[in-house]
Amino acid sequence: MRLLRNFFLLIGFFFFLCVVLAFTEQPYWVYHWLGTSKSELKWEPRHIILLGGGGMPSESNLIRCWYAQRAAKSFPNTKLIIAMPGLTEDSLSTPNRIKAELVAGGIPHKRISFEPLGTNTRSQALECMHLVKMQDPILLVTSPEHMRRAVLSFKKAGFTKINALPAFENASEADFSFTDDELGGNAPLIPDVGESTNMRYQVWNHLKYEILIARELVALSYYKLRGWI
């Protein structure tokens, strides 16, 4: 009984700490560190490797496609590899839908190929060894929280010239504030929140970042223990 009580106390303290940290800037900066600590552009890439995430369409894949398109246009001599498991013979599969999005964005069919076998970052890095010369400069495109693990995984696999492009979201420049009482409705005895974008958006975004950070730190620890990074 005491062990169970201590367990719930620990969970409660952890949850309380997460809520408190959500009111600070620390979750964003840890998220930013995961995305930028290994992100650099030292060499002109010969291959852009888009590491897929989720289905298609999905928020994660669409934003990675957007960044991959821009990179492919900036480096017109590169080949683009979609690293996403799926049946490439099926026109409705996720890899082919990602390809269709890239083509719609102006990338020619002939520049795009698939790596459809890797089912995690480690296996994607190993499978890409069959498609890319180890000494060729590559550019990885993936989500910010995943970028550090991706770079370390490809480096462990033997790639020597790794560039990285984290697919960060851009904050809107619009002012989303409003005056609560001007919108009508009831007037409950709670504070107005129209002027507080921090309460309406930032705290919740930081809680989301904390979940992504926690998951990624566990993944990094596992990869380190397995010798994959």
Foldseek 3Di string as FASTA:
>chain_A
DVVVVVVVVVVVVVVVVLLVCLLDCVLVVLLQCLQPVPADCDDLAQEEEEEDDDAPPDPFLVLLLVVVLVSCVVRVNHAYEYEAADDPVDCRGRVNNSVVSSVVSPRDPVRYDYNHPDDDLLSSLLSCVVVDPLAGAYEYEGARNCFNVNVLLNVLNRRDHYHYDHRDDDDDPDQQADDVVVVDDDDDPDDDCRNPCSVVPSSVVSSVSVVSNVVSVVVVVVCVVVVSD
